[in-house]
Amino acid sequence: MKTASKELQKLRFIAESSLNRTAELQQVLAQIEATLSRAESQKLNEKNKH
């Protein structure tokens, strides 16, 4: 029983770590998308000025 409990704790830790990495990855992807969007908008603004 003690072994199963330790294994569950280990699996829970792995799952929580995975969720944290997923959230961090989503945040980084959102930042990249925002940066690309700003760059695209800036290019369009420059193009429209000329």
PDB file of N, CA and C in Angstrom:
ATOM      1  N   MET A   1       0.827  -1.206   0.000  1.00  0.00           N
ATOM      2  CA  MET A   1       0.000   0.000   0.000  1.00  0.00           C
ATOM      3  C   MET A   1       0.863   1.259   0.000  1.00  0.00           C
ATOM      4  N   LYS A   2       1.939   1.238   0.767  1.00  0.00           N
ATOM      5  CA  LYS A   2       2.819   2.390   0.838  1.00  0.00           C
ATOM      6  C   LYS A   2       3.470   2.656  -0.523  1.00  0.00           C
ATOM      7  N   THR A   3       3.818   1.594  -1.218  1.00  0.00           N
ATOM      8  CA  THR A   3       4.433   1.729  -2.532  1.00  0.00           C
ATOM      9  C   THR A   3       3.460   2.362  -3.524  1.00  0.00           C
ATOM     10  N   ALA A   4       2.219   1.941  -3.491  1.00  0.00           N
ATOM     11  CA  ALA A   4       1.205   2.505  -4.384  1.00  0.00           C
ATOM     12  C   ALA A   4       1.016   3.988  -4.096  1.00  0.00           C
ATOM     13  N   SER A   5       1.023   4.350  -2.842  1.00  0.00           N
ATOM     14  CA  SER A   5       0.866   5.749  -2.454  1.00  0.00           C
ATOM     15  C   SER A   5       2.040   6.584  -2.983  1.00  0.00           C
ATOM     16  N   LYS A   6       3.239   6.062  -2.840  1.00  0.00           N
ATOM     17  CA  LYS A   6       4.408   6.780  -3.344  1.00  0.00           C
ATOM     18  C   LYS A   6       4.363   6.904  -4.853  1.00  0.00           C
ATOM     19  N   GLU A   7       3.924   5.841  -5.521  1.00  0.00           N
ATOM     20  CA  GLU A   7       3.818   5.870  -6.975  1.00  0.00           C
ATOM     21  C   GLU A   7       2.778   6.894  -7.419  1.00  0.00           C
ATOM     22  N   LEU A   8       1.661   6.967  -6.699  1.00  0.00           N
ATOM     23  CA  LEU A   8       0.633   7.962  -7.019  1.00  0.00           C
ATOM     24  C   LEU A   8       1.161   9.378  -6.828  1.00  0.00           C
ATOM     25  N   GLN A   9       1.906   9.591  -5.753  1.00  0.00           N
ATOM     26  CA  GLN A   9       2.495  10.909  -5.513  1.00  0.00           C
ATOM     27  C   GLN A   9       3.450  11.271  -6.648  1.00  0.00           C
ATOM     28  N   LYS A  10       4.255  10.306  -7.065  1.00  0.00           N
ATOM     29  CA  LYS A  10       5.202  10.531  -8.153  1.00  0.00           C
ATOM     30  C   LYS A  10       4.457  10.879  -9.441  1.00  0.00           C
ATOM     31  N   LEU A  11       3.423  10.120  -9.769  1.00  0.00           N
ATOM     32  CA  LEU A  11       2.656  10.373 -10.984  1.00  0.00           C
ATOM     33  C   LEU A  11       1.946  11.723 -10.923  1.00  0.00           C
ATOM     34  N   ARG A  12       1.453  12.078  -9.748  1.00  0.00           N
ATOM     35  CA  ARG A  12       0.791  13.381  -9.588  1.00  0.00           C
ATOM     36  C   ARG A  12       1.785  14.513  -9.823  1.00  0.00           C
ATOM     37  N   PHE A  13       2.989  14.359  -9.278  1.00  0.00           N
ATOM     38  CA  PHE A  13       4.028  15.367  -9.473  1.00  0.00           C
ATOM     39  C   PHE A  13       4.366  15.518 -10.955  1.00  0.00           C
ATOM     40  N   ILE A  14       4.501  14.383 -11.652  1.00  0.00           N
ATOM     41  CA  ILE A  14       4.802  14.411 -13.085  1.00  0.00           C
ATOM     42  C   ILE A  14       3.676  15.099 -13.855  1.00  0.00           C
ATOM     43  N   ALA A  15       2.438  14.769 -13.509  1.00  0.00           N
ATOM     44  CA  ALA A  15       1.284  15.367 -14.194  1.00  0.00           C
ATOM     45  C   ALA A  15       1.236  16.870 -13.957  1.00  0.00           C
ATOM     46  N   GLU A  16       1.473  17.297 -12.716  1.00  0.00           N
ATOM     47  CA  GLU A  16       1.449  18.723 -12.409  1.00  0.00           C
ATOM     48  C   GLU A  16       2.575  19.451 -13.141  1.00  0.00           C
ATOM     49  N   SER A  17       3.736  18.842 -13.200  1.00  0.00           N
ATOM     50  CA  SER A  17       4.858  19.449 -13.917  1.00  0.00           C
ATOM     51  C   SER A  17       4.536  19.581 -15.393  1.00  0.00           C
ATOM     52  N   SER A  18       3.891  18.559 -15.929  1.00  0.00           N
ATOM     53  CA  SER A  18       3.512  18.578 -17.339  1.00  0.00           C
ATOM     54  C   SER A  18       2.508  19.693 -17.609  1.00  0.00           C
ATOM     55  N   LEU A  19       1.550  19.863 -16.713  1.00  0.00           N
ATOM     56  CA  LEU A  19       0.560  20.933 -16.868  1.00  0.00           C
ATOM     57  C   LEU A  19       1.235  22.291 -16.823  1.00  0.00           C
ATOM     58  N   ASN A  20       2.192  22.451 -15.917  1.00  0.00           N
ATOM     59  CA  ASN A  20       2.904  23.723 -15.818  1.00  0.00           C
ATOM     60  C   ASN A  20       3.671  24.008 -17.104  1.00  0.00           C
ATOM     61  N   ARG A  21       4.321  22.996 -17.643  1.00  0.00           N
ATOM     62  CA  ARG A  21       5.065  23.186 -18.893  1.00  0.00           C
ATOM     63  C   ARG A  21       4.110  23.528 -20.023  1.00  0.00           C
ATOM     64  N   THR A  22       2.953  22.885 -20.038  1.00  0.00           N
ATOM     65  CA  THR A  22       1.975  23.167 -21.085  1.00  0.00           C
ATOM     66  C   THR A  22       1.512  24.620 -20.985  1.00  0.00           C
ATOM     67  N   ALA A  23       1.239  25.077 -19.788  1.00  0.00           N
ATOM     68  CA  ALA A  23       0.804  26.463 -19.589  1.00  0.00           C
ATOM     69  C   ALA A  23       1.912  27.424 -20.014  1.00  0.00           C
ATOM     70  N   GLU A  24       3.152  27.111 -19.669  1.00  0.00           N
ATOM     71  CA  GLU A  24       4.275  27.969 -20.053  1.00  0.00           C
ATOM     72  C   GLU A  24       4.431  27.987 -21.568  1.00  0.00           C
ATOM     73  N   LEU A  25       4.290  26.821 -22.178  1.00  0.00           N
ATOM     74  CA  LEU A  25       4.399  26.734 -23.634  1.00  0.00           C
ATOM     75  C   LEU A  25       3.309  27.567 -24.296  1.00  0.00           C
ATOM     76  N   GLN A  26       2.091  27.470 -23.802  1.00  0.00           N
ATOM     77  CA  GLN A  26       0.990  28.249 -24.368  1.00  0.00           C
ATOM     78  C   GLN A  26       1.265  29.744 -24.223  1.00  0.00           C
ATOM     79  N   GLN A  27       1.842  30.138 -23.091  1.00  0.00           N
ATOM     80  CA  GLN A  27       2.147  31.549 -22.872  1.00  0.00           C
ATOM     81  C   GLN A  27       3.221  32.022 -23.855  1.00  0.00           C
ATOM     82  N   VAL A  28       4.253  31.212 -24.048  1.00  0.00           N
ATOM     83  CA  VAL A  28       5.312  31.578 -24.985  1.00  0.00           C
ATOM     84  C   VAL A  28       4.762  31.666 -26.404  1.00  0.00           C
ATOM     85  N   LEU A  29       3.938  30.699 -26.792  1.00  0.00           N
ATOM     86  CA  LEU A  29       3.346  30.732 -28.130  1.00  0.00           C
ATOM     87  C   LEU A  29       2.474  31.968 -28.311  1.00  0.00           C
ATOM     88  N   ALA A  30       1.743  32.345 -27.288  1.00  0.00           N
ATOM     89  CA  ALA A  30       0.904  33.547 -27.359  1.00  0.00           C
ATOM     90  C   ALA A  30       1.778  34.795 -27.517  1.00  0.00           C
ATOM     91  N   GLN A  31       2.900  34.830 -26.818  1.00  0.00           N
ATOM     92  CA  GLN A  31       3.808  35.970 -26.941  1.00  0.00           C
ATOM     93  C   GLN A  31       4.399  36.049 -28.344  1.00  0.00           C
ATOM     94  N   ILE A  32       4.767  34.896 -28.897  1.00  0.00           N
ATOM     95  CA  ILE A  32       5.308  34.864 -30.257  1.00  0.00           C
ATOM     96  C   ILE A  32       4.259  35.341 -31.251  1.00  0.00           C
ATOM     97  N   GLU A  33       3.039  34.843 -31.087  1.00  0.00           N
ATOM     98  CA  GLU A  33       1.952  35.240 -31.978  1.00  0.00           C
ATOM     99  C   GLU A  33       1.699  36.744 -31.899  1.00  0.00           C
ATOM    100  N   ALA A  34       1.727  37.293 -30.703  1.00  0.00           N
ATOM    101  CA  ALA A  34       1.509  38.730 -30.530  1.00  0.00           C
ATOM    102  C   ALA A  34       2.636  39.532 -31.177  1.00  0.00           C
ATOM    103  N   THR A  35       3.854  39.069 -31.025  1.00  0.00           N
ATOM    104  CA  THR A  35       5.001  39.749 -31.623  1.00  0.00           C
ATOM    105  C   THR A  35       4.899  39.739 -33.147  1.00  0.00           C
ATOM    106  N   LEU A  36       4.546  38.580 -33.707  1.00  0.00           N
ATOM    107  CA  LEU A  36       4.388  38.484 -35.159  1.00  0.00           C
ATOM    108  C   LEU A  36       3.249  39.383 -35.649  1.00  0.00           C
ATOM    109  N   SER A  37       2.175  39.421 -34.894  1.00  0.00           N
ATOM    110  CA  SER A  37       1.033  40.249 -35.263  1.00  0.00           C
ATOM    111  C   SER A  37       1.409  41.731 -35.259  1.00  0.00           C
ATOM    112  N   ARG A  38       2.151  42.142 -34.223  1.00  0.00           N
ATOM    113  CA  ARG A  38       2.594  43.545 -34.154  1.00  0.00           C
ATOM    114  C   ARG A  38       3.515  43.882 -35.328  1.00  0.00           C
ATOM    115  N   ALA A  39       4.419  42.964 -35.643  1.00  0.00           N
ATOM    116  CA  ALA A  39       5.349  43.193 -36.752  1.00  0.00           C
ATOM    117  C   ALA A  39       4.587  43.316 -38.071  1.00  0.00           C
ATOM    118  N   GLU A  40       3.599  42.459 -38.249  1.00  0.00           N
ATOM    119  CA  GLU A  40       2.788  42.506 -39.471  1.00  0.00           C
ATOM    120  C   GLU A  40       2.011  43.815 -39.552  1.00  0.00           C
ATOM    121  N   SER A  41       1.439  44.229 -38.450  1.00  0.00           N
ATOM    122  CA  SER A  41       0.694  45.497 -38.424  1.00  0.00           C
ATOM    123  C   SER A  41       1.610  46.669 -38.725  1.00  0.00           C
ATOM    124  N   GLN A  42       2.805  46.628 -38.167  1.00  0.00           N
ATOM    125  CA  GLN A  42       3.761  47.709 -38.403  1.00  0.00           C
ATOM    126  C   GLN A  42       4.147  47.781 -39.881  1.00  0.00           C
ATOM    127  N   LYS A  43       4.353  46.613 -40.512  1.00  0.00           N
ATOM    128  CA  LYS A  43       4.678  46.577 -41.933  1.00  0.00           C
ATOM    129  C   LYS A  43       3.535  47.167 -42.759  1.00  0.00           C
ATOM    130  N   LEU A  44       2.282  46.794 -42.388  1.00  0.00           N
ATOM    131  CA  LEU A  44       1.140  47.334 -43.119  1.00  0.00           C
ATOM    132  C   LEU A  44       1.035  48.828 -42.950  1.00  0.00           C
ATOM    133  N   ASN A  45       1.288  49.325 -41.749  1.00  0.00           N
ATOM    134  CA  ASN A  45       1.240  50.766 -41.503  1.00  0.00           C
ATOM    135  C   ASN A  45       2.304  51.489 -42.321  1.00  0.00           C
ATOM    136  N   GLU A  46       3.496  50.924 -42.372  1.00  0.00           N
ATOM    137  CA  GLU A  46       4.576  51.537 -43.150  1.00  0.00           C
ATOM    138  C   GLU A  46       4.223  51.531 -44.638  1.00  0.00           C
ATOM    139  N   LYS A  47       3.638  50.434 -45.090  1.00  0.00           N
ATOM    140  CA  LYS A  47       3.253  50.298 -46.489  1.00  0.00           C
ATOM    141  C   LYS A  47       2.167  51.305 -46.853  1.00  0.00           C
ATOM    142  N   ASN A  48       1.218  51.525 -45.943  1.00  0.00           N
ATOM    143  CA  ASN A  48       0.119  52.457 -46.190  1.00  0.00           C
ATOM    144  C   ASN A  48       0.589  53.903 -46.166  1.00  0.00           C
ATOM    145  N   LYS A  49       1.657  54.206 -45.485  1.00  0.00           N
ATOM    146  CA  LYS A  49       2.183  55.573 -45.422  1.00  0.00           C
ATOM    147  C   LYS A  49       2.800  55.983 -46.752  1.00  0.00           C
ATOM    148  N   HIS A  50       3.297  55.033 -47.500  1.00  0.00           N
ATOM    149  CA  HIS A  50       3.987  55.335 -48.765  1.00  0.00           C
ATOM    150  C   HIS A  50       3.063  55.398 -49.910  1.00  0.00           C
TER     151      HIS A  50
END
